Amino acid sequence: MYKVVLLTADYEGWWFFSDWRDHVVESIDCESYEEMEQRYIEMCKMLDKKYKLNQTGKYGITCFYNTCDIRYCDDCDDDVQIYHTPLMLINDKLCEEHVKYLNFLK
């Protein structure tokens, strides 16, 4: 029912392109809303330490990245930036309360 996932893709996670679920690289099932909140905060803190940059967009969702974290895209014949976006899901739908948990990023 409650889940924290980490999306790693060549776009910021708040765009929710049709294949976004294919880019989930980590998934944590939680027993309660409170556990989901805690796991989300822990994941954000870990990503904040690992990546130098972050950006908050639609729905208050924050992605983390380093400018040197790029991959070659065959379709576009160019390098693309890789973003790491943690998300909270309730019943596999977005929990839109992301922004209130990220005060430590300021």
PDB file of N, CA and C in Angstrom:
ATOM      1  N   MET A   1       0.817  -1.190   0.000  1.00  0.00           N
ATOM      2  CA  MET A   1       0.000   0.000   0.000  1.00  0.00           C
ATOM      3  C   MET A   1       0.868   1.263   0.000  1.00  0.00           C
ATOM      4  N   TYR A   2       1.848   1.349   0.901  1.00  0.00           N
ATOM      5  CA  TYR A   2       2.758   2.494   0.966  1.00  0.00           C
ATOM      6  C   TYR A   2       4.110   2.057   0.421  1.00  0.00           C
ATOM      7  N   LYS A   3       4.717   2.921  -0.396  1.00  0.00           N
ATOM      8  CA  LYS A   3       5.960   2.535  -1.044  1.00  0.00           C
ATOM      9  C   LYS A   3       6.815   3.766  -1.318  1.00  0.00           C
ATOM     10  N   VAL A   4       8.119   3.593  -1.195  1.00  0.00           N
ATOM     11  CA  VAL A   4       9.088   4.599  -1.622  1.00  0.00           C
ATOM     12  C   VAL A   4       9.873   3.964  -2.759  1.00  0.00           C
ATOM     13  N   VAL A   5       9.973   4.678  -3.869  1.00  0.00           N
ATOM     14  CA  VAL A   5      10.722   4.160  -5.009  1.00  0.00           C
ATOM     15  C   VAL A   5      11.764   5.181  -5.446  1.00  0.00           C
ATOM     16  N   LEU A   6      12.802   4.677  -6.077  1.00  0.00           N
ATOM     17  CA  LEU A   6      13.830   5.533  -6.653  1.00  0.00           C
ATOM     18  C   LEU A   6      13.807   5.340  -8.160  1.00  0.00           C
ATOM     19  N   LEU A   7      13.559   6.416  -8.840  1.00  0.00           N
ATOM     20  CA  LEU A   7      13.501   6.439 -10.299  1.00  0.00           C
ATOM     21  C   LEU A   7      14.815   7.005 -10.820  1.00  0.00           C
ATOM     22  N   THR A   8      15.493   6.279 -11.702  1.00  0.00           N
ATOM     23  CA  THR A   8      16.724   6.757 -12.327  1.00  0.00           C
ATOM     24  C   THR A   8      16.510   6.760 -13.831  1.00  0.00           C
ATOM     25  N   ALA A   9      16.571   7.962 -14.415  1.00  0.00           N
ATOM     26  CA  ALA A   9      16.245   8.096 -15.839  1.00  0.00           C
ATOM     27  C   ALA A   9      16.933   9.316 -16.430  1.00  0.00           C
ATOM     28  N   ASP A  10      16.807   9.463 -17.730  1.00  0.00           N
ATOM     29  CA  ASP A  10      17.393  10.617 -18.412  1.00  0.00           C
ATOM     30  C   ASP A  10      16.409  11.780 -18.492  1.00  0.00           C
ATOM     31  N   TYR A  11      15.550  11.854 -17.507  1.00  0.00           N
ATOM     32  CA  TYR A  11      14.621  12.978 -17.354  1.00  0.00           C
ATOM     33  C   TYR A  11      14.273  13.116 -15.878  1.00  0.00           C
ATOM     34  N   GLU A  12      13.844  14.311 -15.490  1.00  0.00           N
ATOM     35  CA  GLU A  12      13.439  14.547 -14.113  1.00  0.00           C
ATOM     36  C   GLU A  12      12.167  13.746 -13.837  1.00  0.00           C
ATOM     37  N   GLY A  13      12.118  13.117 -12.674  1.00  0.00           N
ATOM     38  CA  GLY A  13      11.037  12.199 -12.348  1.00  0.00           C
ATOM     39  C   GLY A  13       9.640  12.777 -12.352  1.00  0.00           C
ATOM     40  N   TRP A  14       9.503  14.081 -12.207  1.00  0.00           N
ATOM     41  CA  TRP A  14       8.161  14.665 -12.154  1.00  0.00           C
ATOM     42  C   TRP A  14       7.460  14.678 -13.510  1.00  0.00           C
ATOM     43  N   TRP A  15       8.141  14.326 -14.580  1.00  0.00           N
ATOM     44  CA  TRP A  15       7.494  14.313 -15.898  1.00  0.00           C
ATOM     45  C   TRP A  15       6.587  13.110 -16.071  1.00  0.00           C
ATOM     46  N   PHE A  16       6.816  12.041 -15.352  1.00  0.00           N
ATOM     47  CA  PHE A  16       5.973  10.844 -15.408  1.00  0.00           C
ATOM     48  C   PHE A  16       5.636  10.418 -16.838  1.00  0.00           C
ATOM     49  N   PHE A  17       6.677  10.246 -17.648  1.00  0.00           N
ATOM     50  CA  PHE A  17       6.456   9.705 -18.985  1.00  0.00           C
ATOM     51  C   PHE A  17       5.880   8.301 -18.858  1.00  0.00           C
ATOM     52  N   SER A  18       5.269   7.813 -19.909  1.00  0.00           N
ATOM     53  CA  SER A  18       4.532   6.548 -19.852  1.00  0.00           C
ATOM     54  C   SER A  18       5.387   5.369 -19.375  1.00  0.00           C
ATOM     55  N   ASP A  19       6.690   5.427 -19.565  1.00  0.00           N
ATOM     56  CA  ASP A  19       7.554   4.318 -19.163  1.00  0.00           C
ATOM     57  C   ASP A  19       8.237   4.533 -17.811  1.00  0.00           C
ATOM     58  N   TRP A  20       7.754   5.478 -17.011  1.00  0.00           N
ATOM     59  CA  TRP A  20       8.479   5.828 -15.783  1.00  0.00           C
ATOM     60  C   TRP A  20       8.673   4.629 -14.858  1.00  0.00           C
ATOM     61  N   ARG A  21       7.712   3.719 -14.814  1.00  0.00           N
ATOM     62  CA  ARG A  21       7.841   2.551 -13.925  1.00  0.00           C
ATOM     63  C   ARG A  21       8.989   1.626 -14.354  1.00  0.00           C
ATOM     64  N   ASP A  22       9.345   1.667 -15.629  1.00  0.00           N
ATOM     65  CA  ASP A  22      10.467   0.863 -16.122  1.00  0.00           C
ATOM     66  C   ASP A  22      11.804   1.368 -15.594  1.00  0.00           C
ATOM     67  N   HIS A  23      11.831   2.578 -15.067  1.00  0.00           N
ATOM     68  CA  HIS A  23      13.068   3.192 -14.586  1.00  0.00           C
ATOM     69  C   HIS A  23      13.206   3.152 -13.062  1.00  0.00           C
ATOM     70  N   VAL A  24      12.340   2.412 -12.390  1.00  0.00           N
ATOM     71  CA  VAL A  24      12.451   2.254 -10.937  1.00  0.00           C
ATOM     72  C   VAL A  24      13.606   1.294 -10.651  1.00  0.00           C
ATOM     73  N   VAL A  25      14.592   1.776  -9.911  1.00  0.00           N
ATOM     74  CA  VAL A  25      15.774   0.965  -9.602  1.00  0.00           C
ATOM     75  C   VAL A  25      15.782   0.466  -8.156  1.00  0.00           C
ATOM     76  N   GLU A  26      14.903   1.019  -7.338  1.00  0.00           N
ATOM     77  CA  GLU A  26      14.785   0.591  -5.942  1.00  0.00           C
ATOM     78  C   GLU A  26      13.349   0.803  -5.495  1.00  0.00           C
ATOM     79  N   SER A  27      12.843  -0.153  -4.728  1.00  0.00           N
ATOM     80  CA  SER A  27      11.472  -0.060  -4.235  1.00  0.00           C
ATOM     81  C   SER A  27      11.432  -0.570  -2.797  1.00  0.00           C
ATOM     82  N   ILE A  28      10.856   0.230  -1.906  1.00  0.00           N
ATOM     83  CA  ILE A  28      10.772  -0.128  -0.490  1.00  0.00           C
ATOM     84  C   ILE A  28       9.303  -0.150  -0.083  1.00  0.00           C
ATOM     85  N   ASP A  29       8.806  -1.312   0.300  1.00  0.00           N
ATOM     86  CA  ASP A  29       7.439  -1.431   0.809  1.00  0.00           C
ATOM     87  C   ASP A  29       7.416  -1.003   2.269  1.00  0.00           C
ATOM     88  N   CYS A  30       6.385  -0.256   2.635  1.00  0.00           N
ATOM     89  CA  CYS A  30       6.263   0.265   3.997  1.00  0.00           C
ATOM     90  C   CYS A  30       4.937  -0.169   4.601  1.00  0.00           C
ATOM     91  N   GLU A  31       4.943  -0.334   5.911  1.00  0.00           N
ATOM     92  CA  GLU A  31       3.753  -0.778   6.629  1.00  0.00           C
ATOM     93  C   GLU A  31       2.773   0.350   6.922  1.00  0.00           C
ATOM     94  N   SER A  32       3.269   1.580   6.986  1.00  0.00           N
ATOM     95  CA  SER A  32       2.412   2.701   7.373  1.00  0.00           C
ATOM     96  C   SER A  32       2.837   3.968   6.638  1.00  0.00           C
ATOM     97  N   TYR A  33       1.984   4.966   6.717  1.00  0.00           N
ATOM     98  CA  TYR A  33       2.293   6.268   6.125  1.00  0.00           C
ATOM     99  C   TYR A  33       3.531   6.864   6.792  1.00  0.00           C
ATOM    100  N   GLU A  34       3.612   6.731   8.106  1.00  0.00           N
ATOM    101  CA  GLU A  34       4.737   7.284   8.854  1.00  0.00           C
ATOM    102  C   GLU A  34       6.055   6.626   8.453  1.00  0.00           C
ATOM    103  N   GLU A  35       6.032   5.311   8.265  1.00  0.00           N
ATOM    104  CA  GLU A  35       7.244   4.617   7.823  1.00  0.00           C
ATOM    105  C   GLU A  35       7.637   5.079   6.420  1.00  0.00           C
ATOM    106  N   MET A  36       6.652   5.261   5.555  1.00  0.00           N
ATOM    107  CA  MET A  36       6.922   5.750   4.203  1.00  0.00           C
ATOM    108  C   MET A  36       7.592   7.123   4.253  1.00  0.00           C
ATOM    109  N   GLU A  37       7.069   8.014   5.084  1.00  0.00           N
ATOM    110  CA  GLU A  37       7.670   9.343   5.238  1.00  0.00           C
ATOM    111  C   GLU A  37       9.125   9.235   5.685  1.00  0.00           C
ATOM    112  N   GLN A  38       9.370   8.404   6.689  1.00  0.00           N
ATOM    113  CA  GLN A  38      10.721   8.255   7.232  1.00  0.00           C
ATOM    114  C   GLN A  38      11.674   7.686   6.191  1.00  0.00           C
ATOM    115  N   ARG A  39      11.236   6.656   5.485  1.00  0.00           N
ATOM    116  CA  ARG A  39      12.081   6.045   4.450  1.00  0.00           C
ATOM    117  C   ARG A  39      12.368   7.029   3.322  1.00  0.00           C
ATOM    118  N   TYR A  40      11.382   7.844   2.975  1.00  0.00           N
ATOM    119  CA  TYR A  40      11.556   8.860   1.934  1.00  0.00           C
ATOM    120  C   TYR A  40      12.602   9.895   2.362  1.00  0.00           C
ATOM    121  N   ILE A  41      12.488  10.369   3.590  1.00  0.00           N
ATOM    122  CA  ILE A  41      13.456  11.343   4.113  1.00  0.00           C
ATOM    123  C   ILE A  41      14.863  10.741   4.127  1.00  0.00           C
ATOM    124  N   GLU A  42      14.980   9.498   4.578  1.00  0.00           N
ATOM    125  CA  GLU A  42      16.284   8.829   4.600  1.00  0.00           C
ATOM    126  C   GLU A  42      16.871   8.728   3.195  1.00  0.00           C
ATOM    127  N   MET A  43      16.032   8.367   2.220  1.00  0.00           N
ATOM    128  CA  MET A  43      16.508   8.251   0.845  1.00  0.00           C
ATOM    129  C   MET A  43      16.953   9.609   0.308  1.00  0.00           C
ATOM    130  N   CYS A  44      16.184  10.650   0.588  1.00  0.00           N
ATOM    131  CA  CYS A  44      16.546  11.995   0.129  1.00  0.00           C
ATOM    132  C   CYS A  44      17.857  12.459   0.748  1.00  0.00           C
ATOM    133  N   LYS A  45      18.056  12.187   2.021  1.00  0.00           N
ATOM    134  CA  LYS A  45      19.311  12.574   2.679  1.00  0.00           C
ATOM    135  C   LYS A  45      20.499  11.828   2.083  1.00  0.00           C
ATOM    136  N   MET A  46      20.317  10.549   1.787  1.00  0.00           N
ATOM    137  CA  MET A  46      21.378   9.759   1.176  1.00  0.00           C
ATOM    138  C   MET A  46      21.710  10.311  -0.213  1.00  0.00           C
ATOM    139  N   LEU A  47      20.681  10.630  -1.001  1.00  0.00           N
ATOM    140  CA  LEU A  47      20.899  11.172  -2.347  1.00  0.00           C
ATOM    141  C   LEU A  47      21.536  12.557  -2.290  1.00  0.00           C
ATOM    142  N   ASP A  48      21.153  13.343  -1.294  1.00  0.00           N
ATOM    143  CA  ASP A  48      21.718  14.683  -1.139  1.00  0.00           C
ATOM    144  C   ASP A  48      23.221  14.618  -0.842  1.00  0.00           C
ATOM    145  N   LYS A  49      23.646  13.592  -0.114  1.00  0.00           N
ATOM    146  CA  LYS A  49      25.074  13.414   0.165  1.00  0.00           C
ATOM    147  C   LYS A  49      25.822  12.892  -1.061  1.00  0.00           C
ATOM    148  N   LYS A  50      25.168  12.060  -1.837  1.00  0.00           N
ATOM    149  CA  LYS A  50      25.810  11.405  -2.978  1.00  0.00           C
ATOM    150  C   LYS A  50      25.910  12.304  -4.210  1.00  0.00           C
ATOM    151  N   TYR A  51      24.916  13.174  -4.404  1.00  0.00           N
ATOM    152  CA  TYR A  51      24.863  14.021  -5.598  1.00  0.00           C
ATOM    153  C   TYR A  51      24.979  15.488  -5.207  1.00  0.00           C
ATOM    154  N   LYS A  52      25.719  16.243  -5.993  1.00  0.00           N
ATOM    155  CA  LYS A  52      25.997  17.641  -5.649  1.00  0.00           C
ATOM    156  C   LYS A  52      24.839  18.582  -5.940  1.00  0.00           C
ATOM    157  N   LEU A  53      23.992  18.221  -6.877  1.00  0.00           N
ATOM    158  CA  LEU A  53      22.926  19.124  -7.316  1.00  0.00           C
ATOM    159  C   LEU A  53      21.556  18.506  -7.099  1.00  0.00           C
ATOM    160  N   ASN A  54      20.570  19.377  -6.883  1.00  0.00           N
ATOM    161  CA  ASN A  54      19.182  18.921  -6.827  1.00  0.00           C
ATOM    162  C   ASN A  54      18.298  20.006  -7.411  1.00  0.00           C
ATOM    163  N   GLN A  55      17.136  19.580  -7.824  1.00  0.00           N
ATOM    164  CA  GLN A  55      16.194  20.495  -8.452  1.00  0.00           C
ATOM    165  C   GLN A  55      14.789  20.034  -8.093  1.00  0.00           C
ATOM    166  N   THR A  56      13.942  20.973  -7.694  1.00  0.00           N
ATOM    167  CA  THR A  56      12.563  20.647  -7.356  1.00  0.00           C
ATOM    168  C   THR A  56      11.652  21.160  -8.456  1.00  0.00           C
ATOM    169  N   GLY A  57      10.727  20.302  -8.855  1.00  0.00           N
ATOM    170  CA  GLY A  57       9.820  20.650  -9.948  1.00  0.00           C
ATOM    171  C   GLY A  57       8.374  20.373  -9.594  1.00  0.00           C
ATOM    172  N   LYS A  58       7.641  19.944 -10.566  1.00  0.00           N
ATOM    173  CA  LYS A  58       6.210  19.674 -10.466  1.00  0.00           C
ATOM    174  C   LYS A  58       5.900  18.773  -9.262  1.00  0.00           C
ATOM    175  N   TYR A  59       4.818  19.052  -8.585  1.00  0.00           N
ATOM    176  CA  TYR A  59       4.339  18.305  -7.409  1.00  0.00           C
ATOM    177  C   TYR A  59       5.303  18.377  -6.221  1.00  0.00           C
ATOM    178  N   GLY A  60       6.273  19.274  -6.261  1.00  0.00           N
ATOM    179  CA  GLY A  60       7.254  19.358  -5.190  1.00  0.00           C
ATOM    180  C   GLY A  60       8.258  18.220  -5.199  1.00  0.00           C
ATOM    181  N   ILE A  61       8.344  17.508  -6.301  1.00  0.00           N
ATOM    182  CA  ILE A  61       9.263  16.378  -6.425  1.00  0.00           C
ATOM    183  C   ILE A  61      10.670  16.897  -6.700  1.00  0.00           C
ATOM    184  N   THR A  62      11.635  16.335  -5.996  1.00  0.00           N
ATOM    185  CA  THR A  62      13.027  16.740  -6.148  1.00  0.00           C
ATOM    186  C   THR A  62      13.830  15.622  -6.794  1.00  0.00           C
ATOM    187  N   CYS A  63      14.653  15.991  -7.766  1.00  0.00           N
ATOM    188  CA  CYS A  63      15.585  15.036  -8.363  1.00  0.00           C
ATOM    189  C   CYS A  63      17.004  15.438  -7.976  1.00  0.00           C
ATOM    190  N   PHE A  64      17.878  14.467  -7.948  1.00  0.00           N
ATOM    191  CA  PHE A  64      19.272  14.664  -7.565  1.00  0.00           C
ATOM    192  C   PHE A  64      20.155  14.233  -8.729  1.00  0.00           C
ATOM    193  N   TYR A  65      21.282  14.952  -8.917  1.00  0.00           N
ATOM    194  CA  TYR A  65      22.154  14.613 -10.041  1.00  0.00           C
ATOM    195  C   TYR A  65      23.529  15.252  -9.892  1.00  0.00           C
ATOM    196  N   ASN A  66      24.466  14.724 -10.644  1.00  0.00           N
ATOM    197  CA  ASN A  66      25.789  15.316 -10.832  1.00  0.00           C
ATOM    198  C   ASN A  66      25.932  15.605 -12.317  1.00  0.00           C
ATOM    199  N   THR A  67      26.547  16.702 -12.659  1.00  0.00           N
ATOM    200  CA  THR A  67      26.667  17.056 -14.075  1.00  0.00           C
ATOM    201  C   THR A  67      27.496  16.042 -14.864  1.00  0.00           C
ATOM    202  N   CYS A  68      28.350  15.308 -14.196  1.00  0.00           N
ATOM    203  CA  CYS A  68      29.165  14.309 -14.889  1.00  0.00           C
ATOM    204  C   CYS A  68      28.459  12.956 -15.019  1.00  0.00           C
ATOM    205  N   ASP A  69      27.263  12.819 -14.465  1.00  0.00           N
ATOM    206  CA  ASP A  69      26.501  11.569 -14.539  1.00  0.00           C
ATOM    207  C   ASP A  69      25.668  11.591 -15.823  1.00  0.00           C
ATOM    208  N   ILE A  70      26.314  11.198 -16.920  1.00  0.00           N
ATOM    209  CA  ILE A  70      25.653  11.229 -18.223  1.00  0.00           C
ATOM    210  C   ILE A  70      25.775   9.866 -18.893  1.00  0.00           C
ATOM    211  N   ARG A  71      24.880   9.610 -19.831  1.00  0.00           N
ATOM    212  CA  ARG A  71      24.917   8.380 -20.622  1.00  0.00           C
ATOM    213  C   ARG A  71      24.677   8.737 -22.077  1.00  0.00           C
ATOM    214  N   TYR A  72      25.210   7.913 -22.936  1.00  0.00           N
ATOM    215  CA  TYR A  72      25.026   8.157 -24.362  1.00  0.00           C
ATOM    216  C   TYR A  72      23.659   7.643 -24.796  1.00  0.00           C
ATOM    217  N   CYS A  73      22.954   8.440 -25.564  1.00  0.00           N
ATOM    218  CA  CYS A  73      21.630   8.090 -26.084  1.00  0.00           C
ATOM    219  C   CYS A  73      21.767   7.794 -27.577  1.00  0.00           C
ATOM    220  N   ASP A  74      21.549   6.536 -27.948  1.00  0.00           N
ATOM    221  CA  ASP A  74      21.640   6.153 -29.360  1.00  0.00           C
ATOM    222  C   ASP A  74      20.604   6.881 -30.213  1.00  0.00           C
ATOM    223  N   ASP A  75      19.380   6.990 -29.693  1.00  0.00           N
ATOM    224  CA  ASP A  75      18.297   7.616 -30.457  1.00  0.00           C
ATOM    225  C   ASP A  75      18.563   9.086 -30.754  1.00  0.00           C
ATOM    226  N   CYS A  76      19.164   9.791 -29.806  1.00  0.00           N
ATOM    227  CA  CYS A  76      19.402  11.226 -30.009  1.00  0.00           C
ATOM    228  C   CYS A  76      20.848  11.531 -30.397  1.00  0.00           C
ATOM    229  N   ASP A  77      21.691  10.490 -30.457  1.00  0.00           N
ATOM    230  CA  ASP A  77      23.088  10.640 -30.866  1.00  0.00           C
ATOM    231  C   ASP A  77      23.809  11.714 -30.042  1.00  0.00           C
ATOM    232  N   ASP A  78      23.582  11.653 -28.724  1.00  0.00           N
ATOM    233  CA  ASP A  78      24.170  12.656 -27.834  1.00  0.00           C
ATOM    234  C   ASP A  78      24.201  12.111 -26.408  1.00  0.00           C
ATOM    235  N   ASP A  79      24.940  12.781 -25.539  1.00  0.00           N
ATOM    236  CA  ASP A  79      24.937  12.440 -24.120  1.00  0.00           C
ATOM    237  C   ASP A  79      23.716  13.055 -23.449  1.00  0.00           C
ATOM    238  N   VAL A  80      23.152  12.336 -22.479  1.00  0.00           N
ATOM    239  CA  VAL A  80      21.998  12.849 -21.732  1.00  0.00           C
ATOM    240  C   VAL A  80      22.299  12.795 -20.239  1.00  0.00           C
ATOM    241  N   GLN A  81      21.765  13.754 -19.509  1.00  0.00           N
ATOM    242  CA  GLN A  81      21.917  13.836 -18.056  1.00  0.00           C
ATOM    243  C   GLN A  81      21.078  12.752 -17.398  1.00  0.00           C
ATOM    244  N   ILE A  82      21.605  12.135 -16.344  1.00  0.00           N
ATOM    245  CA  ILE A  82      20.860  11.134 -15.582  1.00  0.00           C
ATOM    246  C   ILE A  82      20.411  11.757 -14.265  1.00  0.00           C
ATOM    247  N   TYR A  83      19.129  11.559 -13.942  1.00  0.00           N
ATOM    248  CA  TYR A  83      18.518  12.109 -12.727  1.00  0.00           C
ATOM    249  C   TYR A  83      18.050  10.963 -11.836  1.00  0.00           C
ATOM    250  N   HIS A  84      18.116  11.182 -10.533  1.00  0.00           N
ATOM    251  CA  HIS A  84      17.700  10.197  -9.536  1.00  0.00           C
ATOM    252  C   HIS A  84      16.581  10.838  -8.710  1.00  0.00           C
ATOM    253  N   THR A  85      15.386  10.274  -8.817  1.00  0.00           N
ATOM    254  CA  THR A  85      14.204  10.899  -8.227  1.00  0.00           C
ATOM    255  C   THR A  85      13.508   9.951  -7.261  1.00  0.00           C
ATOM    256  N   PRO A  86      13.491  10.268  -5.967  1.00  0.00           N
ATOM    257  CA  PRO A  86      12.724   9.468  -5.015  1.00  0.00           C
ATOM    258  C   PRO A  86      11.253   9.881  -5.049  1.00  0.00           C
ATOM    259  N   LEU A  87      10.379   8.902  -4.910  1.00  0.00           N
ATOM    260  CA  LEU A  87       8.938   9.159  -4.937  1.00  0.00           C
ATOM    261  C   LEU A  87       8.250   8.383  -3.828  1.00  0.00           C
ATOM    262  N   MET A  88       7.187   8.960  -3.288  1.00  0.00           N
ATOM    263  CA  MET A  88       6.317   8.255  -2.350  1.00  0.00           C
ATOM    264  C   MET A  88       5.048   7.871  -3.098  1.00  0.00           C
ATOM    265  N   LEU A  89       4.664   6.597  -2.965  1.00  0.00           N
ATOM    266  CA  LEU A  89       3.463   6.105  -3.633  1.00  0.00           C
ATOM    267  C   LEU A  89       2.508   5.513  -2.606  1.00  0.00           C
ATOM    268  N   ILE A  90       1.238   5.778  -2.798  1.00  0.00           N
ATOM    269  CA  ILE A  90       0.190   5.154  -1.994  1.00  0.00           C
ATOM    270  C   ILE A  90      -0.725   4.433  -2.967  1.00  0.00           C
ATOM    271  N   ASN A  91      -0.860   3.124  -2.789  1.00  0.00           N
ATOM    272  CA  ASN A  91      -1.629   2.301  -3.725  1.00  0.00           C
ATOM    273  C   ASN A  91      -1.150   2.517  -5.160  1.00  0.00           C
ATOM    274  N   ASP A  92       0.156   2.587  -5.330  1.00  0.00           N
ATOM    275  CA  ASP A  92       0.819   2.774  -6.628  1.00  0.00           C
ATOM    276  C   ASP A  92       0.480   4.084  -7.320  1.00  0.00           C
ATOM    277  N   LYS A  93       0.009   5.054  -6.563  1.00  0.00           N
ATOM    278  CA  LYS A  93      -0.246   6.395  -7.099  1.00  0.00           C
ATOM    279  C   LYS A  93       0.590   7.396  -6.313  1.00  0.00           C
ATOM    280  N   LEU A  94       0.963   8.469  -6.980  1.00  0.00           N
ATOM    281  CA  LEU A  94       1.821   9.480  -6.376  1.00  0.00           C
ATOM    282  C   LEU A  94       1.185  10.110  -5.142  1.00  0.00           C
ATOM    283  N   CYS A  95       1.965  10.176  -4.060  1.00  0.00           N
ATOM    284  CA  CYS A  95       1.596  10.939  -2.872  1.00  0.00           C
ATOM    285  C   CYS A  95       2.153  12.337  -3.089  1.00  0.00           C
ATOM    286  N   GLU A  96       1.305  13.328  -3.195  1.00  0.00           N
ATOM    287  CA  GLU A  96       1.731  14.667  -3.604  1.00  0.00           C
ATOM    288  C   GLU A  96       2.182  15.555  -2.442  1.00  0.00           C
ATOM    289  N   GLU A  97       2.799  14.987  -1.433  1.00  0.00           N
ATOM    290  CA  GLU A  97       3.261  15.764  -0.285  1.00  0.00           C
ATOM    291  C   GLU A  97       4.783  15.785  -0.188  1.00  0.00           C
ATOM    292  N   HIS A  98       5.463  15.647  -1.306  1.00  0.00           N
ATOM    293  CA  HIS A  98       6.919  15.547  -1.298  1.00  0.00           C
ATOM    294  C   HIS A  98       7.618  16.779  -0.740  1.00  0.00           C
ATOM    295  N   VAL A  99       7.177  17.955  -1.108  1.00  0.00           N
ATOM    296  CA  VAL A  99       7.936  19.172  -0.829  1.00  0.00           C
ATOM    297  C   VAL A  99       8.090  19.459   0.668  1.00  0.00           C
ATOM    298  N   LYS A 100       7.133  19.089   1.480  1.00  0.00           N
ATOM    299  CA  LYS A 100       7.211  19.441   2.900  1.00  0.00           C
ATOM    300  C   LYS A 100       8.302  18.678   3.652  1.00  0.00           C
ATOM    301  N   TYR A 101       8.864  17.650   3.053  1.00  0.00           N
ATOM    302  CA  TYR A 101       9.871  16.844   3.733  1.00  0.00           C
ATOM    303  C   TYR A 101      11.296  17.285   3.452  1.00  0.00           C
ATOM    304  N   LEU A 102      11.467  18.247   2.567  1.00  0.00           N
ATOM    305  CA  LEU A 102      12.812  18.538   2.086  1.00  0.00           C
ATOM    306  C   LEU A 102      13.401  19.829   2.623  1.00  0.00           C
ATOM    307  N   ASN A 103      13.000  20.253   3.797  1.00  0.00           N
ATOM    308  CA  ASN A 103      13.551  21.472   4.393  1.00  0.00           C
ATOM    309  C   ASN A 103      15.060  21.379   4.597  1.00  0.00           C
ATOM    310  N   PHE A 104      15.588  20.198   4.786  1.00  0.00           N
ATOM    311  CA  PHE A 104      17.022  20.042   5.019  1.00  0.00           C
ATOM    312  C   PHE A 104      17.844  20.369   3.775  1.00  0.00           C
ATOM    313  N   LEU A 105      17.232  20.464   2.607  1.00  0.00           N
ATOM    314  CA  LEU A 105      17.968  20.774   1.383  1.00  0.00           C
ATOM    315  C   LEU A 105      18.273  22.256   1.247  1.00  0.00           C
ATOM    316  N   LYS A 106      17.585  23.104   2.008  1.00  0.00           N
ATOM    317  CA  LYS A 106      17.745  24.551   1.852  1.00  0.00           C
ATOM    318  C   LYS A 106      18.985  25.050   2.540  1.00  0.00           C
TER     319      LYS A 106
END
